[in-house]
Protein backbone atom coordinates (compact mmCIF):
# COMPACT_ATOMS: atom_id res chain seq x y z
CA MET A 1 1.92 -38.59 22.88
CA ALA A 2 0.03 -41.33 24.40
CA LEU A 3 1.36 -43.65 21.73
CA GLN A 4 1.07 -47.71 23.00
CA CYS A 5 2.52 -50.92 22.30
CA GLY A 6 0.24 -53.65 23.16
CA ILE A 7 1.66 -56.97 24.62
CA VAL A 8 0.11 -60.10 23.25
CA GLY A 9 0.26 -64.01 23.66
CA LEU A 10 -1.25 -67.17 24.40
CA PRO A 11 -1.94 -68.41 28.01
CA ASN A 12 1.49 -69.42 29.96
CA VAL A 13 4.16 -68.04 27.34
CA GLY A 14 5.08 -65.46 30.21
CA LYS A 15 3.39 -62.53 28.81
CA SER A 16 2.25 -61.22 32.45
CA THR A 17 5.67 -61.98 33.93
CA LEU A 18 6.97 -59.58 31.39
CA PHE A 19 4.61 -56.98 31.86
CA ASN A 20 4.83 -57.08 35.86
CA CYS A 21 8.64 -57.14 35.43
CA LEU A 22 7.88 -53.73 33.15
CA SER A 23 5.88 -52.39 36.20
CA ASN A 24 8.62 -52.69 38.59
CA ALA A 25 11.01 -49.70 38.21
CA ARG A 26 13.93 -51.59 39.96
CA ALA A 27 14.28 -53.87 36.83
CA GLN A 28 15.77 -50.79 35.04
CA ALA A 29 17.56 -48.27 37.21
CA ALA A 30 17.18 -46.47 40.36
CA ASN A 31 15.32 -43.63 38.96
CA PHE A 32 13.17 -45.17 36.30
CA PRO A 33 9.29 -45.00 37.58
CA PHE A 34 6.14 -46.52 36.68
CA CYS A 35 2.41 -45.98 37.20
CA THR A 36 -0.65 -47.44 36.49
CA ILE A 37 -3.30 -45.48 34.83
CA GLU A 38 -5.82 -48.43 34.21
CA PRO A 39 -5.55 -52.34 35.59
CA ASN A 40 -3.65 -53.33 32.16
CA VAL A 41 -1.86 -50.06 31.21
CA GLY A 42 1.49 -49.04 32.23
CA VAL A 43 3.34 -45.45 31.65
CA ILE A 44 6.91 -46.53 31.48
CA THR A 45 9.88 -44.41 31.30
CA VAL A 46 12.57 -45.08 28.54
CA PRO A 47 16.03 -45.77 29.84
CA ASP A 48 18.37 -43.26 28.31
CA GLU A 49 21.93 -42.86 29.09
CA ARG A 50 22.32 -39.48 27.26
CA LEU A 51 19.81 -37.87 29.70
CA MET A 52 21.72 -39.07 32.71
CA LYS A 53 24.95 -37.63 31.41
CA LEU A 54 23.39 -34.20 30.60
CA ALA A 55 22.19 -34.50 34.53
CA GLU A 56 25.59 -34.89 35.60
CA ILE A 57 26.99 -32.17 33.65
CA ASP A 58 23.84 -29.53 34.44
CA ASN A 59 23.26 -30.93 37.82
CA PRO A 60 19.51 -29.65 37.43
CA LYS A 61 16.96 -29.80 40.32
CA ARG A 62 15.01 -32.45 38.78
CA VAL A 63 15.30 -34.87 35.70
CA VAL A 64 12.41 -36.06 33.47
CA PRO A 65 12.69 -38.96 31.31
CA THR A 66 10.32 -39.87 28.22
CA THR A 67 7.97 -42.55 28.25
CA ILE A 68 5.76 -44.85 26.16
CA GLU A 69 2.80 -46.91 27.33
CA ILE A 70 2.59 -50.64 27.57
CA VAL A 71 -0.88 -52.59 27.19
CA ASP A 72 -1.23 -55.97 28.85
CA ILE A 73 -4.01 -56.96 26.51
CA ALA A 74 -6.56 -59.76 27.13
CA GLY A 75 -5.74 -63.36 26.50
CA LEU A 76 -6.59 -64.98 23.00
CA VAL A 77 -8.52 -68.19 21.91
CA LYS A 78 -8.69 -70.00 18.48
CA GLY A 79 -11.99 -68.19 16.87
CA ALA A 80 -11.48 -64.73 18.15
CA SER A 81 -11.72 -63.42 15.03
CA LYS A 82 -15.49 -64.44 14.93
CA GLY A 83 -15.94 -63.46 18.73
CA GLU A 84 -15.04 -66.48 20.81
CA GLY A 85 -13.93 -66.19 24.04
CA LEU A 86 -12.42 -62.67 24.66
CA GLY A 87 -11.91 -62.32 21.04
CA ASN A 88 -13.69 -59.37 20.17
CA LYS A 89 -12.19 -57.48 23.20
CA PHE A 90 -8.78 -58.62 22.37
CA LEU A 91 -9.03 -57.32 18.79
CA ALA A 92 -10.44 -54.08 19.64
CA ASN A 93 -7.51 -53.68 22.38
CA ILE A 94 -4.99 -54.48 19.49
CA ARG A 95 -6.86 -51.88 17.20
CA ASN A 96 -6.45 -49.32 19.61
CA THR A 97 -2.59 -49.68 19.97
CA ASN A 98 0.24 -48.46 17.43
CA ALA A 99 2.49 -51.35 17.83
CA ILE A 100 2.49 -54.94 18.97
CA ILE A 101 4.75 -56.67 21.26
CA HIS A 102 4.15 -60.70 20.57
CA VAL A 103 5.80 -62.91 23.40
CA LEU A 104 6.20 -66.44 22.37
CA ARG A 105 7.31 -69.33 24.62
CA CYS A 106 10.62 -70.53 23.65
CA PHE A 107 11.57 -72.42 27.02
CA GLU A 108 10.93 -75.95 27.88
CA ASN A 109 9.42 -76.64 31.89
CA ASP A 110 7.10 -79.10 32.78
CA ASN A 111 5.99 -77.42 35.56
CA ILE A 112 4.34 -74.94 33.24
CA THR A 113 1.86 -76.37 30.93
CA HIS A 114 1.49 -75.19 27.82
CA VAL A 115 -1.98 -74.78 26.55
CA ASP A 116 -1.65 -76.76 23.56
CA GLY A 117 0.34 -79.68 25.34
CA THR A 118 3.81 -78.78 23.83
CA VAL A 119 6.21 -76.09 23.26
CA ASP A 120 6.02 -74.92 19.63
CA PRO A 121 6.70 -70.72 19.32
CA LEU A 122 5.84 -71.15 15.35
CA ARG A 123 2.36 -73.01 15.95
CA ASP A 124 1.66 -70.52 18.69
CA LYS A 125 2.73 -67.39 16.60
CA GLY A 126 0.54 -68.79 13.58
CA ILE A 127 -2.46 -68.81 15.91
CA ILE A 128 -2.48 -65.34 16.65
CA ASP A 129 -1.29 -64.48 13.08
CA THR A 130 -4.53 -66.17 11.78
CA GLU A 131 -6.98 -64.78 13.86
CA LEU A 132 -5.53 -60.85 13.16
CA GLN A 133 -5.20 -61.98 9.47
CA LEU A 134 -8.94 -63.28 9.24
CA LYS A 135 -10.03 -60.10 10.93
CA ASP A 136 -8.14 -57.99 8.42
CA LEU A 137 -9.32 -59.97 5.58
CA GLU A 138 -13.15 -59.08 6.80
CA THR A 139 -12.21 -55.62 6.92
CA ILE A 140 -10.78 -55.65 3.23
CA GLU A 141 -13.41 -57.32 2.02
CA ASN A 142 -16.15 -55.43 3.42
CA ARG A 143 -14.15 -51.96 1.85
CA ILE A 144 -13.50 -53.90 -1.45
CA GLY A 145 -17.18 -53.79 -2.53
CA LYS A 146 -17.36 -50.45 -1.64
CA CYS A 147 -14.66 -49.22 -3.33
CA GLN A 148 -15.05 -51.11 -6.65
CA LYS A 149 -18.74 -49.53 -6.97
CA GLN A 150 -17.01 -46.06 -6.73
CA ALA A 151 -14.16 -46.69 -9.05
CA THR A 152 -16.57 -48.19 -11.71
CA ALA A 153 -18.18 -44.76 -11.23
CA GLY A 154 -14.80 -42.86 -12.45
CA ASP A 155 -13.81 -42.06 -8.73
CA LYS A 156 -9.82 -42.01 -9.20
CA ILE A 157 -9.19 -41.92 -5.44
CA ALA A 158 -11.54 -45.05 -5.01
CA LYS A 159 -9.73 -46.72 -8.05
CA ARG A 160 -6.34 -46.13 -6.45
CA GLN A 161 -7.92 -47.45 -2.97
CA TYR A 162 -9.47 -50.78 -4.92
CA ASP A 163 -5.83 -51.64 -6.35
CA ILE A 164 -4.23 -51.58 -2.88
CA LEU A 165 -7.06 -53.27 -1.23
CA LEU A 166 -6.53 -56.37 -3.90
CA GLN A 167 -3.08 -56.38 -2.98
CA TYR A 168 -3.76 -56.85 0.88
CA LYS A 169 -6.35 -59.11 -0.06
CA GLU A 170 -4.12 -61.68 -1.63
CA ALA A 171 -1.19 -61.16 0.91
CA LEU A 172 -3.89 -62.30 3.54
CA GLU A 173 -5.41 -65.04 1.66
CA GLN A 174 -1.78 -66.54 1.40
CA GLY A 175 -1.52 -66.24 5.28
CA LEU A 176 0.61 -63.26 5.04
CA SER A 177 0.04 -60.12 7.48
CA ALA A 178 -0.74 -56.82 5.63
CA ARG A 179 3.16 -55.51 6.46
CA THR A 180 4.56 -57.73 4.15
CA VAL A 181 2.88 -55.66 1.31
CA GLU A 182 5.20 -53.23 -0.10
CA LEU A 183 3.52 -49.72 -0.75
CA THR A 184 4.96 -46.25 -1.05
CA ALA A 185 4.25 -43.27 1.20
CA GLU A 186 1.82 -41.89 -0.96
CA GLU A 187 -0.12 -45.17 -1.31
CA ARG A 188 -0.05 -45.69 2.68
CA LYS A 189 -1.92 -42.24 2.70
CA VAL A 190 -4.66 -43.43 0.32
CA VAL A 191 -5.66 -46.33 2.96
CA TRP A 192 -4.42 -44.88 6.01
CA ASP A 193 -8.03 -45.30 7.62
CA LEU A 194 -7.94 -49.14 7.23
CA ASN A 195 -6.03 -49.47 10.55
CA LEU A 196 -5.27 -53.13 9.66
CA LEU A 197 -4.13 -55.11 12.70
CA THR A 198 -1.59 -57.14 10.88
CA ASP A 199 -0.16 -53.55 9.38
CA LYS A 200 0.70 -52.50 12.91
CA PRO A 201 4.86 -52.94 13.55
CA VAL A 202 5.64 -56.05 15.52
CA LEU A 203 8.34 -57.17 18.08
CA TYR A 204 8.41 -60.70 18.41
CA VAL A 205 9.77 -61.28 22.22
CA CYS A 206 10.98 -64.93 22.56
CA ASN A 207 11.22 -65.53 26.23
CA VAL A 208 13.77 -67.99 27.24
CA ASP A 209 15.28 -69.88 30.08
CA GLU A 210 18.11 -68.18 31.98
CA ALA A 211 20.85 -70.54 30.17
CA SER A 212 19.42 -69.28 26.83
CA ALA A 213 19.52 -65.52 27.85
CA VAL A 214 22.40 -64.70 25.59
CA THR A 215 22.62 -66.91 22.74
CA GLY A 216 19.09 -68.02 22.40
CA ASN A 217 18.28 -71.67 21.41
CA ALA A 218 16.80 -73.78 18.61
CA HIS A 219 13.25 -72.28 19.24
CA THR A 220 14.50 -68.64 18.86
CA GLU A 221 16.44 -69.80 15.64
CA ALA A 222 13.09 -71.05 14.35
CA VAL A 223 11.41 -67.80 14.84
CA ARG A 224 14.26 -66.00 13.54
CA ALA A 225 13.90 -67.99 10.51
CA ALA A 226 10.07 -67.50 10.26
CA ILE A 227 9.89 -63.76 10.59
CA ALA A 228 12.89 -63.15 8.28
CA ASP A 229 10.46 -61.43 5.33
CA GLU A 230 8.02 -59.97 7.62
CA HIS A 231 9.84 -56.80 8.52
CA ALA A 232 9.48 -57.22 11.98
CA GLU A 233 12.12 -57.43 14.82
CA MET A 234 12.82 -59.84 17.56
CA LEU A 235 14.34 -59.58 20.99
CA ILE A 236 15.24 -62.64 23.36
CA VAL A 237 14.45 -62.23 26.93
CA ALA A 238 14.24 -64.47 30.26
CA ALA A 239 11.36 -63.18 31.80
CA SER A 240 11.82 -65.37 34.76
CA ALA A 241 15.15 -64.24 35.41
CA GLU A 242 14.02 -60.71 34.85
CA ALA A 243 11.64 -61.35 37.49
CA ASP A 244 14.50 -62.32 40.15
CA ILE A 245 16.21 -59.15 38.93
CA ALA A 246 13.14 -57.05 39.96
CA GLU A 247 13.56 -58.48 43.35
CA LEU A 248 16.98 -57.36 44.50
CA GLU A 249 17.12 -54.23 46.27
CA SER A 250 20.28 -52.20 45.10
CA TYR A 251 21.40 -51.06 41.51
CA GLU A 252 24.84 -53.12 42.01
CA GLU A 253 22.89 -56.38 43.05
CA ARG A 254 21.03 -56.33 39.98
CA GLN A 255 24.25 -55.12 37.83
CA LEU A 256 25.99 -58.01 39.32
CA PHE A 257 23.32 -60.61 38.52
CA LEU A 258 23.29 -59.30 34.71
CA GLN A 259 26.89 -59.69 34.78
CA ASP A 260 26.89 -63.06 36.00
CA MET A 261 24.39 -64.17 33.38
CA GLY A 262 26.58 -62.51 30.48
CA LEU A 263 24.41 -59.54 29.68
CA GLU A 264 25.25 -56.02 29.70
CA GLU A 265 21.60 -54.71 29.87
CA SER A 266 18.38 -56.18 31.48
CA GLY A 267 16.05 -57.45 28.87
CA VAL A 268 13.16 -55.36 30.07
CA SER A 269 15.32 -52.03 29.40
CA ARG A 270 16.41 -53.57 26.07
CA LEU A 271 12.57 -54.26 25.40
CA ILE A 272 11.42 -50.88 26.41
CA LYS A 273 13.88 -49.35 24.05
CA ALA A 274 13.10 -51.56 21.08
CA ALA A 275 9.18 -50.76 21.72
CA TYR A 276 10.31 -47.03 21.54
CA ARG A 277 11.85 -47.75 18.06
CA LEU A 278 9.26 -49.81 17.11
CA LEU A 279 6.81 -46.67 17.51
CA ASP A 280 9.33 -44.55 15.35
CA LEU A 281 9.91 -42.43 18.06
CA GLN A 282 13.09 -40.49 18.73
CA THR A 283 14.10 -37.99 21.57
CA PHE A 284 15.13 -34.49 21.84
CA PHE A 285 16.44 -32.76 25.06
CA THR A 286 16.22 -29.74 26.75
CA THR A 287 18.51 -28.83 29.80
CA GLY A 288 19.67 -26.44 32.21
CA ALA A 289 19.99 -25.53 36.05
CA ASP A 290 16.49 -26.14 36.45
CA GLU A 291 15.82 -29.44 34.38
CA SER A 292 17.07 -32.03 32.24
CA ARG A 293 14.31 -33.36 30.45
CA ALA A 294 13.77 -35.82 27.50
CA TRP A 295 10.96 -35.23 25.13
CA THR A 296 9.32 -37.61 22.93
CA PHE A 297 8.72 -36.82 18.74
CA ARG A 298 7.94 -38.83 15.91
CA ARG A 299 10.86 -39.47 13.35
CA GLY A 300 10.89 -36.81 10.56
CA MET A 301 8.99 -34.11 12.46
CA LYS A 302 10.27 -30.68 11.65
CA ALA A 303 11.49 -28.02 14.39
CA PRO A 304 7.95 -26.35 14.89
CA GLU A 305 6.01 -29.68 15.45
CA THR A 306 8.64 -30.66 18.06
CA ALA A 307 8.23 -27.36 19.71
CA GLY A 308 4.60 -28.14 20.06
CA VAL A 309 5.52 -31.26 22.20
CA ILE A 310 6.45 -28.75 24.71
CA HIS A 311 3.49 -26.36 24.41
CA SER A 312 1.14 -25.50 21.48
CA ASP A 313 2.25 -21.93 21.94
CA PHE A 314 5.62 -22.91 20.88
CA GLU A 315 4.40 -24.34 17.54
CA ARG A 316 2.05 -21.78 16.60
CA GLY A 317 4.49 -18.80 17.26
CA PHE A 318 7.60 -20.57 16.42
CA ILE A 319 10.22 -18.14 15.18
CA ARG A 320 13.35 -20.42 15.13
CA ALA A 321 15.31 -23.15 16.89
CA GLU A 322 18.73 -23.09 18.54
CA VAL A 323 20.18 -26.68 18.20
CA ILE A 324 23.20 -28.28 19.79
CA LYS A 325 24.25 -31.68 19.06
CA TYR A 326 24.45 -33.87 21.90
CA ALA A 327 28.01 -35.20 21.48
CA ASP A 328 28.93 -31.30 21.11
CA TYR A 329 27.51 -30.52 24.51
CA VAL A 330 29.05 -33.63 26.31
CA GLU A 331 32.43 -32.97 24.76
CA LEU A 332 32.30 -29.01 25.50
CA GLY A 333 30.18 -29.32 28.94
CA SER A 334 27.73 -26.59 28.72
CA GLU A 335 25.53 -24.43 26.59
CA ARG A 336 27.95 -21.42 27.10
CA ALA A 337 30.82 -23.48 25.81
CA CYS A 338 29.11 -24.57 22.96
CA ARG A 339 28.13 -21.05 22.22
CA ASP A 340 31.59 -19.61 22.52
CA VAL A 341 32.70 -21.76 19.87
CA GLY A 342 29.97 -21.70 17.20
CA LYS A 343 28.54 -25.24 17.95
CA ILE A 344 24.85 -23.82 18.36
CA GLY A 345 23.07 -23.99 14.92
CA ILE A 346 20.31 -21.38 14.03
CA GLU A 347 17.44 -23.61 12.31
CA GLY A 348 14.06 -22.41 10.79
CA LYS A 349 10.98 -24.34 10.02
CA GLU A 350 12.17 -26.72 7.67
CA TYR A 351 14.65 -28.30 9.85
CA VAL A 352 14.14 -31.90 10.67
CA VAL A 353 14.87 -32.48 14.23
CA GLU A 354 17.60 -35.34 14.96
CA ASP A 355 17.59 -37.90 17.67
CA GLY A 356 19.56 -36.29 20.70
CA ASP A 357 19.24 -32.90 19.65
CA ILE A 358 19.50 -30.31 22.60
CA MET A 359 16.92 -27.73 21.41
CA HIS A 360 16.00 -24.31 22.47
CA PHE A 361 12.88 -22.69 20.98
CA LEU A 362 12.28 -18.97 20.25
CA PHE A 363 8.47 -18.25 19.64
CA ASN A 364 6.26 -15.23 19.69
CA VAL A 365 2.51 -15.25 20.36
């Protein structure tokens, strides 16, 4: 689906370390690959224990996980909204992504100099937030003039757009991101083409030292409090430890390292899953003797649309879908067993596919 999360952050916060960890398949598990399609874009598989379980049951010839794209976005300096440094490139790259992973330095280390001299994740967050908000305010102000004229001339859609633009303008002028403005689904459709930078879903990744990997620290608590009303997620990751894990040769060694840290799952694996959720993505499966495969779809999609994820002909000629719930498949152990006890649902065009559904589509073109 080519949906992307962009990693952003100031210099020396651990952004590149995290991206490099993501690029190393061994940081996740034995069978999770990574490839580069541009120097700063990685196609990364999403760890999913359910797919591995289906593969254990069906013993297919191949296993195909689902993927997302992570973009390592160029650095930022103050004044980016006015084109300073790599500002224009930075902002353009963010605009092209669907969600933002904002890395904040939450560790002390005298050997790694902070660009502003001291460690203060809230100040760092404020620098990037301000630049994005200023650019969004510029976008809003440019649109307001046009909409105001059309609204005055009696254009009802322009009037609705104008009212929403004023809400955005008020929030941005108060130093708030556009995502804090509460809009209905219908109102969002009216202004969908704005593509505001601060309206994108965001995940704040607090990069901590190894000792803080499980419980966090004072810096992470400050970040948690600061984003409480922001409609954003937060994740604690020790990037330096993740880099060490990535260097270990075997899966068993990596698991032992995590256990020693008090973690059940690597931070990188949690980050990938969080990015997947951030993009509002879910997974359905197809499985059998030839292949067990995970497929990505947007939450809320109906059966014909998800059929189109596999092939456009499936959507165009959709007749019906046969659906097995993941829990039933695992409990009963095969499609045949599910069919024998009536655990296969026959669904039509209005069925909203659920995360974990095992699907078989019938179509005719």
